[in-house]
PDB file of all heavy atoms in Angstrom:
ATOM      1  N   LYS A   1     132.489 -32.334   5.879  1.00  0.00           N
ATOM      2  CA  LYS A   1     132.703 -33.497   5.101  1.00  0.00           C
ATOM      3  C   LYS A   1     131.851 -34.722   5.633  1.00  0.00           C
ATOM      4  O   LYS A   1     131.263 -35.556   4.713  1.00  0.00           O
ATOM      5  CB  LYS A   1     134.159 -33.858   4.897  1.00  0.00           C
ATOM      6  CG  LYS A   1     134.896 -32.913   4.094  1.00  0.00           C
ATOM      7  CD  LYS A   1     136.339 -33.329   3.915  1.00  0.00           C
ATOM      8  CE  LYS A   1     137.135 -32.298   3.050  1.00  0.00           C
ATOM      9  NZ  LYS A   1     136.696 -32.310   1.577  1.00  0.00           N
ATOM     10  N   ASP A   2     131.801 -34.863   6.863  1.00  0.00           N
ATOM     11  CA  ASP A   2     131.027 -36.043   7.525  1.00  0.00           C
ATOM     12  C   ASP A   2     129.529 -35.817   7.249  1.00  0.00           C
ATOM     13  O   ASP A   2     128.806 -36.792   7.117  1.00  0.00           O
ATOM     14  CB  ASP A   2     131.255 -36.004   9.010  1.00  0.00           C
ATOM     15  CG  ASP A   2     132.638 -36.578   9.440  1.00  0.00           C
ATOM     16  OD1 ASP A   2     133.301 -37.119   8.536  1.00  0.00           O
ATOM     17  OD2 ASP A   2     133.008 -36.285  10.680  1.00  0.00           O
ATOM     18  N   ALA A   3     129.025 -34.605   7.000  1.00  0.00           N
ATOM     19  CA  ALA A   3     127.702 -34.282   6.770  1.00  0.00           C
ATOM     20  C   ALA A   3     127.360 -34.317   5.203  1.00  0.00           C
ATOM     21  O   ALA A   3     126.256 -34.048   4.882  1.00  0.00           O
ATOM     22  CB  ALA A   3     127.315 -32.952   7.288  1.00  0.00           C
ATOM     23  N   GLY A   4     128.390 -34.678   4.412  1.00  0.00           N
ATOM     24  CA  GLY A   4     128.213 -34.748   2.972  1.00  0.00           C
ATOM     25  C   GLY A   4     128.567 -33.729   2.138  1.00  0.00           C
ATOM     26  O   GLY A   4     128.401 -33.801   0.963  1.00  0.00           O
ATOM     27  N   TYR A   5     129.269 -32.682   2.666  1.00  0.00           N
ATOM     28  CA  TYR A   5     129.760 -31.539   1.876  1.00  0.00           C
ATOM     29  C   TYR A   5     131.184 -31.870   1.607  1.00  0.00           C
ATOM     30  O   TYR A   5     132.207 -31.262   1.992  1.00  0.00           O
ATOM     31  CB  TYR A   5     129.597 -30.259   2.740  1.00  0.00           C
ATOM     32  CG  TYR A   5     128.259 -29.863   3.125  1.00  0.00           C
ATOM     33  CD1 TYR A   5     127.615 -30.241   4.300  1.00  0.00           C
ATOM     34  CD2 TYR A   5     127.453 -29.241   2.080  1.00  0.00           C
ATOM     35  CE1 TYR A   5     126.459 -29.733   4.656  1.00  0.00           C
ATOM     36  CE2 TYR A   5     126.198 -28.792   2.395  1.00  0.00           C
ATOM     37  CZ  TYR A   5     125.621 -29.009   3.633  1.00  0.00           C
ATOM     38  OH  TYR A   5     124.328 -28.695   3.994  1.00  0.00           O
ATOM     39  N   GLU A   6     131.388 -32.760   0.607  1.00  0.00           N
ATOM     40  CA  GLU A   6     132.652 -33.397   0.296  1.00  0.00           C
ATOM     41  C   GLU A   6     133.677 -32.272  -0.314  1.00  0.00           C
ATOM     42  O   GLU A   6     134.917 -32.478  -0.149  1.00  0.00           O
ATOM     43  CB  GLU A   6     132.510 -34.435  -0.760  1.00  0.00           C
ATOM     44  CG  GLU A   6     131.877 -35.752  -0.144  1.00  0.00           C
ATOM     45  CD  GLU A   6     132.609 -36.363   0.923  1.00  0.00           C
ATOM     46  OE1 GLU A   6     133.940 -36.305   0.920  1.00  0.00           O
ATOM     47  OE2 GLU A   6     132.057 -37.125   1.752  1.00  0.00           O
ATOM     48  N   ASN A   7     133.211 -31.256  -0.951  1.00  0.00           N
ATOM     49  CA  ASN A   7     134.063 -30.318  -1.553  1.00  0.00           C
ATOM     50  C   ASN A   7     134.420 -29.169  -0.640  1.00  0.00           C
ATOM     51  O   ASN A   7     134.837 -28.101  -1.183  1.00  0.00           O
ATOM     52  CB  ASN A   7     133.513 -29.837  -3.007  1.00  0.00           C
ATOM     53  CG  ASN A   7     132.133 -29.234  -2.891  1.00  0.00           C
ATOM     54  OD1 ASN A   7     131.662 -28.969  -1.790  1.00  0.00           O
ATOM     55  ND2 ASN A   7     131.511 -29.110  -3.990  1.00  0.00           N
ATOM     56  N   ALA A   8     133.998 -29.227   0.547  1.00  0.00           N
ATOM     57  CA  ALA A   8     134.420 -28.110   1.481  1.00  0.00           C
ATOM     58  C   ALA A   8     135.867 -27.952   1.618  1.00  0.00           C
ATOM     59  O   ALA A   8     136.681 -28.893   1.704  1.00  0.00           O
ATOM     60  CB  ALA A   8     133.800 -28.383   2.869  1.00  0.00           C
ATOM     61  N   GLU A   9     136.414 -26.665   1.416  1.00  0.00           N
ATOM     62  CA  GLU A   9     137.822 -26.401   1.464  1.00  0.00           C
ATOM     63  C   GLU A   9     138.032 -25.075   2.223  1.00  0.00           C
ATOM     64  O   GLU A   9     137.152 -24.189   2.275  1.00  0.00           O
ATOM     65  CB  GLU A   9     138.409 -26.409   0.111  1.00  0.00           C
ATOM     66  CG  GLU A   9     137.722 -25.273  -0.820  1.00  0.00           C
ATOM     67  CD  GLU A   9     138.284 -25.368  -2.285  1.00  0.00           C
ATOM     68  OE1 GLU A   9     138.691 -26.466  -2.704  1.00  0.00           O
ATOM     69  OE2 GLU A   9     138.283 -24.320  -2.884  1.00  0.00           O
ATOM     70  N   ALA A  10     139.289 -24.978   2.756  1.00  0.00           N
ATOM     71  CA  ALA A  10     139.524 -23.805   3.552  1.00  0.00           C
ATOM     72  C   ALA A  10     140.760 -23.126   3.040  1.00  0.00           C
ATOM     73  O   ALA A  10     141.716 -23.711   2.614  1.00  0.00           O
ATOM     74  CB  ALA A  10     139.783 -24.281   5.072  1.00  0.00           C
ATOM     75  N   LYS A  11     140.767 -21.821   3.235  1.00  0.00           N
ATOM     76  CA  LYS A  11     141.922 -20.954   2.949  1.00  0.00           C
ATOM     77  C   LYS A  11     142.318 -20.318   4.170  1.00  0.00           C
ATOM     78  O   LYS A  11     141.582 -19.446   4.702  1.00  0.00           O
ATOM     79  CB  LYS A  11     141.548 -20.021   1.821  1.00  0.00           C
ATOM     80  CG  LYS A  11     142.680 -19.008   1.521  1.00  0.00           C
ATOM     81  CD  LYS A  11     142.184 -18.003   0.382  1.00  0.00           C
ATOM     82  CE  LYS A  11     143.286 -17.054   0.017  1.00  0.00           C
ATOM     83  NZ  LYS A  11     142.788 -16.023  -0.949  1.00  0.00           N
ATOM     84  N   LYS A  12     143.551 -20.512   4.709  1.00  0.00           N
ATOM     85  CA  LYS A  12     144.025 -19.962   5.926  1.00  0.00           C
ATOM     86  C   LYS A  12     144.891 -18.732   5.624  1.00  0.00           C
ATOM     87  O   LYS A  12     145.027 -18.342   4.478  1.00  0.00           O
ATOM     88  CB  LYS A  12     144.900 -21.053   6.631  1.00  0.00           C
ATOM     89  CG  LYS A  12     144.107 -22.201   7.084  1.00  0.00           C
ATOM     90  CD  LYS A  12     144.996 -23.123   7.930  1.00  0.00           C
ATOM     91  CE  LYS A  12     144.294 -24.374   8.403  1.00  0.00           C
ATOM     92  NZ  LYS A  12     145.180 -25.223   9.154  1.00  0.00           N
ATOM     93  N   GLY A  13     145.402 -18.080   6.680  1.00  0.00           N
ATOM     94  CA  GLY A  13     146.353 -17.079   6.565  1.00  0.00           C
ATOM     95  C   GLY A  13     145.672 -15.674   6.128  1.00  0.00           C
ATOM     96  O   GLY A  13     146.252 -14.865   5.459  1.00  0.00           O
ATOM     97  N   LEU A  14     144.375 -15.491   6.621  1.00  0.00           N
ATOM     98  CA  LEU A  14     143.619 -14.348   6.252  1.00  0.00           C
ATOM     99  C   LEU A  14     143.370 -13.421   7.481  1.00  0.00           C
ATOM    100  O   LEU A  14     143.602 -13.922   8.634  1.00  0.00           O
ATOM    101  CB  LEU A  14     142.295 -14.650   5.675  1.00  0.00           C
ATOM    102  CG  LEU A  14     142.392 -15.465   4.379  1.00  0.00           C
ATOM    103  CD1 LEU A  14     141.009 -16.004   3.909  1.00  0.00           C
ATOM    104  CD2 LEU A  14     143.016 -14.676   3.242  1.00  0.00           C
ATOM    105  N   ALA A  15     143.015 -12.293   7.299  1.00  0.00           N
ATOM    106  CA  ALA A  15     142.732 -11.238   8.416  1.00  0.00           C
ATOM    107  C   ALA A  15     141.595 -10.348   7.976  1.00  0.00           C
ATOM    108  O   ALA A  15     141.360 -10.272   6.770  1.00  0.00           O
ATOM    109  CB  ALA A  15     143.950 -10.536   8.804  1.00  0.00           C
ATOM    110  N   LYS A  16     140.907  -9.813   9.003  1.00  0.00           N
ATOM    111  CA  LYS A  16     139.851  -8.880   8.721  1.00  0.00           C
ATOM    112  C   LYS A  16     140.252  -7.488   9.096  1.00  0.00           C
ATOM    113  O   LYS A  16     140.747  -7.294  10.369  1.00  0.00           O
ATOM    114  CB  LYS A  16     138.603  -9.255   9.438  1.00  0.00           C
ATOM    115  CG  LYS A  16     137.351  -8.368   9.279  1.00  0.00           C
ATOM    116  CD  LYS A  16     136.166  -8.988   9.931  1.00  0.00           C
ATOM    117  CE  LYS A  16     136.302  -9.167  11.464  1.00  0.00           C
ATOM    118  NZ  LYS A  16     135.007  -9.726  12.040  1.00  0.00           N
ATOM    119  N   VAL A  17     140.249  -6.460   8.253  1.00  0.00           N
ATOM    120  CA  VAL A  17     140.387  -5.161   8.537  1.00  0.00           C
ATOM    121  C   VAL A  17     139.052  -4.384   8.597  1.00  0.00           C
ATOM    122  O   VAL A  17     138.266  -4.607   7.489  1.00  0.00           O
ATOM    123  CB  VAL A  17     141.445  -4.442   7.689  1.00  0.00           C
ATOM    124  CG1 VAL A  17     142.806  -5.033   7.900  1.00  0.00           C
ATOM    125  CG2 VAL A  17     141.067  -4.526   6.235  1.00  0.00           C
ATOM    126  N   SER A  18     138.845  -3.488   9.496  1.00  0.00           N
ATOM    127  CA  SER A  18     137.510  -2.936   9.618  1.00  0.00           C
ATOM    128  C   SER A  18     137.610  -1.400   9.979  1.00  0.00           C
ATOM    129  O   SER A  18     138.487  -0.948  10.738  1.00  0.00           O
ATOM    130  CB  SER A  18     136.627  -3.592  10.794  1.00  0.00           C
ATOM    131  OG  SER A  18     136.736  -4.996  10.672  1.00  0.00           O
ATOM    132  N   ILE A  19     136.770  -0.662   9.346  1.00  0.00           N
ATOM    133  CA  ILE A  19     136.603   0.744   9.751  1.00  0.00           C
ATOM    134  C   ILE A  19     135.339   0.966  10.506  1.00  0.00           C
ATOM    135  O   ILE A  19     134.297   0.261  10.337  1.00  0.00           O
ATOM    136  CB  ILE A  19     136.648   1.722   8.596  1.00  0.00           C
ATOM    137  CG1 ILE A  19     135.509   1.360   7.532  1.00  0.00           C
ATOM    138  CG2 ILE A  19     137.951   1.702   7.925  1.00  0.00           C
ATOM    139  CD1 ILE A  19     135.391   2.324   6.412  1.00  0.00           C
ATOM    140  N   VAL A  20     135.310   1.861  11.530  1.00  0.00           N
ATOM    141  CA  VAL A  20     134.164   2.006  12.469  1.00  0.00           C
ATOM    142  C   VAL A  20     133.821   3.464  12.726  1.00  0.00           C
ATOM    143  O   VAL A  20     134.801   4.303  12.835  1.00  0.00           O
ATOM    144  CB  VAL A  20     134.445   1.314  13.833  1.00  0.00           C
ATOM    145  CG1 VAL A  20     133.269   1.651  14.870  1.00  0.00           C
ATOM    146  CG2 VAL A  20     134.543  -0.213  13.611  1.00  0.00           C
ATOM    147  N   GLY A  21     132.600   3.804  12.560  1.00  0.00           N
ATOM    148  CA  GLY A  21     132.137   5.162  12.832  1.00  0.00           C
ATOM    149  C   GLY A  21     130.672   5.285  12.751  1.00  0.00           C
ATOM    150  O   GLY A  21     129.999   4.851  11.810  1.00  0.00           O
ATOM    151  N   ALA A  22     130.094   5.940  13.714  1.00  0.00           N
ATOM    152  CA  ALA A  22     128.642   6.108  13.877  1.00  0.00           C
ATOM    153  C   ALA A  22     128.151   6.997  12.768  1.00  0.00           C
ATOM    154  O   ALA A  22     126.977   6.931  12.356  1.00  0.00           O
ATOM    155  CB  ALA A  22     128.293   6.651  15.243  1.00  0.00           C
ATOM    156  N   GLY A  23     129.109   7.814  12.162  1.00  0.00           N
ATOM    157  CA  GLY A  23     128.620   8.866  11.138  1.00  0.00           C
ATOM    158  C   GLY A  23     128.607   8.255   9.807  1.00  0.00           C
ATOM    159  O   GLY A  23     128.212   8.970   8.816  1.00  0.00           O
ATOM    160  N   MET A  24     129.121   7.010   9.610  1.00  0.00           N
ATOM    161  CA  MET A  24     129.304   6.596   8.216  1.00  0.00           C
ATOM    162  C   MET A  24     127.828   6.352   7.485  1.00  0.00           C
ATOM    163  O   MET A  24     127.908   6.515   6.232  1.00  0.00           O
ATOM    164  CB  MET A  24     130.013   5.334   8.095  1.00  0.00           C
ATOM    165  CG  MET A  24     129.557   4.006   8.637  1.00  0.00           C
ATOM    166  SD  MET A  24     130.588   2.651   8.289  1.00  0.00           S
ATOM    167  CE  MET A  24     132.166   3.042   8.989  1.00  0.00           C
ATOM    168  N   ALA A  25     126.776   6.102   8.326  1.00  0.00           N
ATOM    169  CA  ALA A  25     125.503   5.973   7.735  1.00  0.00           C
ATOM    170  C   ALA A  25     124.995   7.315   6.984  1.00  0.00           C
ATOM    171  O   ALA A  25     124.241   7.179   6.065  1.00  0.00           O
ATOM    172  CB  ALA A  25     124.464   5.613   8.756  1.00  0.00           C
ATOM    173  N   THR A  26     125.512   8.384   7.435  1.00  0.00           N
ATOM    174  CA  THR A  26     125.033   9.618   6.926  1.00  0.00           C
ATOM    175  C   THR A  26     126.046  10.355   5.987  1.00  0.00           C
ATOM    176  O   THR A  26     125.980  11.518   5.577  1.00  0.00           O
ATOM    177  CB  THR A  26     124.729  10.742   8.055  1.00  0.00           C
ATOM    178  OG1 THR A  26     125.849  10.859   8.955  1.00  0.00           O
ATOM    179  CG2 THR A  26     123.476  10.126   8.781  1.00  0.00           C
ATOM    180  N   HIS A  27     127.111   9.548   5.649  1.00  0.00           N
ATOM    181  CA  HIS A  27     128.226  10.098   4.867  1.00  0.00           C
ATOM    182  C   HIS A  27     128.398   9.159   3.587  1.00  0.00           C
ATOM    183  O   HIS A  27     129.081   8.146   3.728  1.00  0.00           O
ATOM    184  CB  HIS A  27     129.532  10.143   5.591  1.00  0.00           C
ATOM    185  CG  HIS A  27     129.637  11.345   6.596  1.00  0.00           C
ATOM    186  ND1 HIS A  27     128.851  11.351   7.728  1.00  0.00           N
ATOM    187  CD2 HIS A  27     130.224  12.573   6.500  1.00  0.00           C
ATOM    188  CE1 HIS A  27     129.179  12.391   8.353  1.00  0.00           C
ATOM    189  NE2 HIS A  27     129.921  13.286   7.569  1.00  0.00           N
ATOM    190  N   PRO A  28     127.830   9.476   2.454  1.00  0.00           N
ATOM    191  CA  PRO A  28     127.921   8.612   1.264  1.00  0.00           C
ATOM    192  C   PRO A  28     129.428   8.552   0.813  1.00  0.00           C
ATOM    193  O   PRO A  28     130.181   9.427   1.089  1.00  0.00           O
ATOM    194  CB  PRO A  28     127.174   9.439   0.226  1.00  0.00           C
ATOM    195  CG  PRO A  28     126.308  10.282   0.958  1.00  0.00           C
ATOM    196  CD  PRO A  28     126.947  10.630   2.203  1.00  0.00           C
ATOM    197  N   GLY A  29     129.699   7.278   0.273  1.00  0.00           N
ATOM    198  CA  GLY A  29     131.064   7.183  -0.241  1.00  0.00           C
ATOM    199  C   GLY A  29     132.233   6.620   0.663  1.00  0.00           C
ATOM    200  O   GLY A  29     133.258   6.545   0.251  1.00  0.00           O
ATOM    201  N   VAL A  30     131.751   6.310   1.846  1.00  0.00           N
ATOM    202  CA  VAL A  30     132.764   5.652   2.874  1.00  0.00           C
ATOM    203  C   VAL A  30     133.295   4.405   2.288  1.00  0.00           C
ATOM    204  O   VAL A  30     134.490   4.174   2.413  1.00  0.00           O
ATOM    205  CB  VAL A  30     132.081   5.522   4.255  1.00  0.00           C
ATOM    206  CG1 VAL A  30     133.111   5.055   5.206  1.00  0.00           C
ATOM    207  CG2 VAL A  30     131.782   7.052   4.886  1.00  0.00           C
ATOM    208  N   ALA A  31     132.457   3.440   1.950  1.00  0.00           N
ATOM    209  CA  ALA A  31     132.902   2.282   1.339  1.00  0.00           C
ATOM    210  C   ALA A  31     133.782   2.351   0.142  1.00  0.00           C
ATOM    211  O   ALA A  31     134.863   1.691   0.120  1.00  0.00           O
ATOM    212  CB  ALA A  31     131.627   1.471   1.005  1.00  0.00           C
ATOM    213  N   CYS A  32     133.422   3.228  -0.703  1.00  0.00           N
ATOM    214  CA  CYS A  32     134.183   3.417  -1.917  1.00  0.00           C
ATOM    215  C   CYS A  32     135.585   3.966  -1.470  1.00  0.00           C
ATOM    216  O   CYS A  32     136.584   3.506  -2.116  1.00  0.00           O
ATOM    217  CB  CYS A  32     133.495   4.537  -2.779  1.00  0.00           C
ATOM    218  SG  CYS A  32     134.306   4.876  -4.312  1.00  0.00           S
ATOM    219  N   SER A  33     135.647   4.909  -0.580  1.00  0.00           N
ATOM    220  CA  SER A  33     136.953   5.381  -0.115  1.00  0.00           C
ATOM    221  C   SER A  33     137.772   4.210   0.494  1.00  0.00           C
ATOM    222  O   SER A  33     139.059   4.188   0.272  1.00  0.00           O
ATOM    223  CB  SER A  33     136.777   6.487   0.893  1.00  0.00           C
ATOM    224  OG  SER A  33     136.227   7.677   0.295  1.00  0.00           O
ATOM    225  N   MET A  34     137.225   3.380   1.301  1.00  0.00           N
ATOM    226  CA  MET A  34     137.840   2.344   1.829  1.00  0.00           C
ATOM    227  C   MET A  34     138.503   1.418   0.825  1.00  0.00           C
ATOM    228  O   MET A  34     139.720   0.979   0.808  1.00  0.00           O
ATOM    229  CB  MET A  34     136.992   1.499   2.689  1.00  0.00           C
ATOM    230  CG  MET A  34     137.626   0.236   3.368  1.00  0.00           C
ATOM    231  SD  MET A  34     136.515  -0.662   4.391  1.00  0.00           S
ATOM    232  CE  MET A  34     137.587  -1.907   5.296  1.00  0.00           C
ATOM    233  N   PHE A  35     137.575   0.981  -0.180  1.00  0.00           N
ATOM    234  CA  PHE A  35     138.045   0.054  -1.187  1.00  0.00           C
ATOM    235  C   PHE A  35     139.166   0.737  -2.078  1.00  0.00           C
ATOM    236  O   PHE A  35     140.065  -0.017  -2.579  1.00  0.00           O
ATOM    237  CB  PHE A  35     136.906  -0.402  -2.078  1.00  0.00           C
ATOM    238  CG  PHE A  35     135.762  -1.105  -1.270  1.00  0.00           C
ATOM    239  CD1 PHE A  35     134.436  -0.958  -1.619  1.00  0.00           C
ATOM    240  CD2 PHE A  35     136.163  -1.780  -0.033  1.00  0.00           C
ATOM    241  CE1 PHE A  35     133.467  -1.603  -0.823  1.00  0.00           C
ATOM    242  CE2 PHE A  35     135.091  -2.316   0.777  1.00  0.00           C
ATOM    243  CZ  PHE A  35     133.824  -2.219   0.279  1.00  0.00           C
ATOM    244  N   GLU A  36     139.076   2.014  -2.307  1.00  0.00           N
ATOM    245  CA  GLU A  36     140.024   2.733  -3.069  1.00  0.00           C
ATOM    246  C   GLU A  36     141.375   2.803  -2.418  1.00  0.00           C
ATOM    247  O   GLU A  36     142.470   2.525  -3.012  1.00  0.00           O
ATOM    248  CB  GLU A  36     139.639   4.218  -3.322  1.00  0.00           C
ATOM    249  CG  GLU A  36     140.592   5.035  -4.085  1.00  0.00           C
ATOM    250  CD  GLU A  36     140.227   6.584  -4.124  1.00  0.00           C
ATOM    251  OE1 GLU A  36     139.471   7.000  -3.272  1.00  0.00           O
ATOM    252  OE2 GLU A  36     140.780   7.181  -5.069  1.00  0.00           O
ATOM    253  N   ALA A  37     141.390   2.880  -0.908  1.00  0.00           N
ATOM    254  CA  ALA A  37     142.631   2.986  -0.371  1.00  0.00           C
ATOM    255  C   ALA A  37     143.372   1.655  -0.365  1.00  0.00           C
ATOM    256  O   ALA A  37     144.592   1.496  -0.509  1.00  0.00           O
ATOM    257  CB  ALA A  37     142.428   3.338   1.113  1.00  0.00           C
ATOM    258  N   LEU A  38     142.621   0.534  -0.228  1.00  0.00           N
ATOM    259  CA  LEU A  38     143.134  -0.829  -0.275  1.00  0.00           C
ATOM    260  C   LEU A  38     143.618  -1.221  -1.756  1.00  0.00           C
ATOM    261  O   LEU A  38     144.645  -1.730  -1.925  1.00  0.00           O
ATOM    262  CB  LEU A  38     142.087  -1.854   0.138  1.00  0.00           C
ATOM    263  CG  LEU A  38     141.690  -1.707   1.675  1.00  0.00           C
ATOM    264  CD1 LEU A  38     140.601  -2.754   1.901  1.00  0.00           C
ATOM    265  CD2 LEU A  38     142.823  -1.860   2.589  1.00  0.00           C
ATOM    266  N   SER A  39     142.841  -0.819  -2.780  1.00  0.00           N
ATOM    267  CA  SER A  39     143.314  -1.212  -4.077  1.00  0.00           C
ATOM    268  C   SER A  39     144.496  -0.416  -4.512  1.00  0.00           C
ATOM    269  O   SER A  39     145.271  -0.965  -5.219  1.00  0.00           O
ATOM    270  CB  SER A  39     142.121  -0.850  -5.049  1.00  0.00           C
ATOM    271  OG  SER A  39     141.840   0.494  -5.157  1.00  0.00           O
ATOM    272  N   ALA A  40     144.716   0.845  -3.973  1.00  0.00           N
ATOM    273  CA  ALA A  40     145.930   1.642  -4.362  1.00  0.00           C
ATOM    274  C   ALA A  40     147.175   1.002  -3.810  1.00  0.00           C
ATOM    275  O   ALA A  40     148.266   1.204  -4.414  1.00  0.00           O
ATOM    276  CB  ALA A  40     145.745   3.043  -3.714  1.00  0.00           C
ATOM    277  N   LYS A  41     147.015   0.169  -2.780  1.00  0.00           N
ATOM    278  CA  LYS A  41     148.137  -0.628  -2.339  1.00  0.00           C
ATOM    279  C   LYS A  41     148.215  -2.082  -2.796  1.00  0.00           C
ATOM    280  O   LYS A  41     149.135  -2.887  -2.412  1.00  0.00           O
ATOM    281  CB  LYS A  41     148.063  -0.701  -0.654  1.00  0.00           C
ATOM    282  CG  LYS A  41     148.278   0.752  -0.054  1.00  0.00           C
ATOM    283  CD  LYS A  41     149.586   1.313  -0.300  1.00  0.00           C
ATOM    284  CE  LYS A  41     149.596   2.701   0.339  1.00  0.00           C
ATOM    285  NZ  LYS A  41     151.024   3.254   0.238  1.00  0.00           N
TER     286      LYS A  41
END
């Protein structure tokens, strides 16, 4: 805001969930499976 970005706003109470695996680059559909699991809940 001091630098002129008057409409800067924040949303708190968030978290990051991550999946990790060296093999995901060679396995198509990993991202889709992740998003499917989250959307189902």
